[in-house]
């Protein structure tokens, strides 16, 4: 599962929208701004390199989320541009998870 919120929010150091800070346990963080440079998406080759360290997870097994579910869509587009088709979107994202009573990761 790929969390595309800022590193500070993912670590649980700050939270701007939700009632508690933290992350979904086991997620990997790659902020949604990373695929862009000067307000444009990087080249497909650069995007593939950027997403290659995401645990070697095949794109069709990758789930992307953010805070509210909106920003993750930018990452899904970047993955498609990179030719890494088939990732899924956890629409409820961290906002839903943190209200569910499930465990939170921090640090």
Protein backbone atom coordinates (compact mmCIF):
# COMPACT_ATOMS: atom_id res chain seq x y z
CA UNK A 1 0.00 0.00 0.00
CA UNK A 2 1.42 3.37 -1.07
CA UNK A 3 0.65 6.45 1.05
CA UNK A 4 1.19 9.64 -0.97
CA UNK A 5 0.70 12.17 1.83
CA UNK A 6 3.63 14.34 2.97
CA UNK A 7 6.35 12.59 4.94
CA UNK A 8 5.42 14.58 8.06
CA UNK A 9 1.84 13.37 7.94
CA UNK A 10 2.89 9.79 7.16
CA UNK A 11 5.27 9.76 10.16
CA UNK A 12 2.51 11.14 12.38
CA UNK A 13 4.50 14.30 13.13
CA UNK A 14 1.67 16.56 11.96
CA UNK A 15 -1.90 16.27 10.78
CA UNK A 16 -3.80 18.99 8.96
CA UNK A 17 -7.13 17.32 8.20
CA UNK A 18 -7.84 14.29 10.34
CA UNK A 19 -8.57 13.96 14.08
CA UNK A 20 -5.44 11.86 14.71
CA UNK A 21 -1.99 11.68 13.16
CA UNK A 22 -0.28 8.56 11.88
CA UNK A 23 -0.42 6.08 9.02
CA UNK A 24 -1.90 2.79 8.02
CA UNK A 25 0.59 0.18 9.32
CA UNK A 26 2.76 -1.41 6.65
CA UNK A 27 2.43 1.41 4.13
CA UNK A 28 5.28 2.85 2.08
CA UNK A 29 5.49 6.63 1.68
CA UNK A 30 6.18 8.47 -1.56
CA UNK A 31 4.66 11.98 -1.48
CA UNK A 32 2.41 12.89 -4.39
CA UNK A 33 4.63 15.82 -5.38
CA UNK A 34 7.59 13.57 -6.21
CA UNK A 35 6.37 12.57 -9.70
CA UNK A 36 6.24 16.20 -10.81
CA UNK A 37 8.92 18.75 -11.55
CA UNK A 38 8.06 22.34 -12.36
CA UNK A 39 4.33 21.49 -12.32
CA UNK A 40 4.71 18.81 -14.99
CA UNK A 41 4.98 15.06 -14.66
CA UNK A 42 8.44 13.61 -15.10
CA UNK A 43 9.18 11.46 -18.15
CA UNK A 44 7.87 7.88 -18.21
CA UNK A 45 11.43 6.58 -17.67
CA UNK A 46 11.92 8.83 -14.61
CA UNK A 47 8.52 7.83 -13.24
CA UNK A 48 9.33 4.12 -13.58
CA UNK A 49 12.60 4.72 -11.70
CA UNK A 50 10.78 6.72 -9.03
CA UNK A 51 8.22 3.97 -8.40
CA UNK A 52 10.62 1.02 -8.73
CA UNK A 53 11.49 0.94 -5.00
CA UNK A 54 7.85 0.44 -3.98
CA UNK A 55 8.69 -2.97 -2.63
CA UNK A 56 8.75 -4.66 -6.03
CA UNK A 57 4.96 -4.83 -5.86
CA UNK A 58 3.42 -5.47 -9.28
CA UNK A 59 1.26 -2.49 -10.29
CA UNK A 60 -1.93 -4.55 -10.32
CA UNK A 61 -1.31 -5.42 -6.64
CA UNK A 62 -0.52 -1.85 -5.58
CA UNK A 63 -3.08 0.17 -3.60
CA UNK A 64 -2.63 3.95 -3.46
CA UNK A 65 -4.14 6.24 -0.83
CA UNK A 66 -3.70 9.72 0.64
CA UNK A 67 -5.58 11.66 3.30
CA UNK A 68 -9.03 12.11 1.81
CA UNK A 69 -8.76 10.11 -1.42
CA UNK A 70 -8.27 12.99 -3.87
CA UNK A 71 -4.49 13.39 -4.15
CA UNK A 72 -3.97 9.68 -4.71
CA UNK A 73 -5.54 10.16 -8.14
CA UNK A 74 -2.48 12.20 -9.21
CA UNK A 75 -0.29 9.22 -8.35
CA UNK A 76 -2.55 6.81 -10.22
CA UNK A 77 -2.14 9.03 -13.30
CA UNK A 78 1.66 9.11 -12.84
CA UNK A 79 1.73 5.31 -12.59
CA UNK A 80 -0.26 5.05 -15.83
CA UNK A 81 2.10 7.52 -17.55
CA UNK A 82 4.99 5.32 -16.41
CA UNK A 83 3.35 2.28 -18.01
CA UNK A 84 2.65 0.75 -14.59
CA UNK A 85 -1.01 0.03 -15.20
CA UNK A 86 -3.58 -1.46 -12.87
CA UNK A 87 -3.02 0.06 -9.41
CA UNK A 88 -6.06 0.45 -7.17
CA UNK A 89 -7.33 3.38 -5.13
CA UNK A 90 -8.34 3.12 -1.48
CA UNK A 91 -11.02 5.78 -1.75
CA UNK A 92 -11.60 6.15 2.01
CA UNK A 93 -7.88 6.71 2.51
CA UNK A 94 -6.37 7.68 5.86
CA UNK A 95 -9.42 9.75 6.81
CA UNK A 96 -11.56 6.62 6.85
CA UNK A 97 -8.86 4.39 8.39
CA UNK A 98 -8.08 6.71 11.32
CA UNK A 99 -11.76 6.82 12.31
CA UNK A 100 -12.24 3.05 12.10
CA UNK A 101 -10.61 2.07 15.39
CA UNK A 102 -7.94 0.08 13.53
CA UNK A 103 -4.26 0.36 14.59
CA UNK A 104 -2.15 3.33 13.51
CA UNK A 105 1.54 3.46 12.69
CA UNK A 106 3.73 6.36 13.81
CA UNK A 107 7.36 7.35 13.74
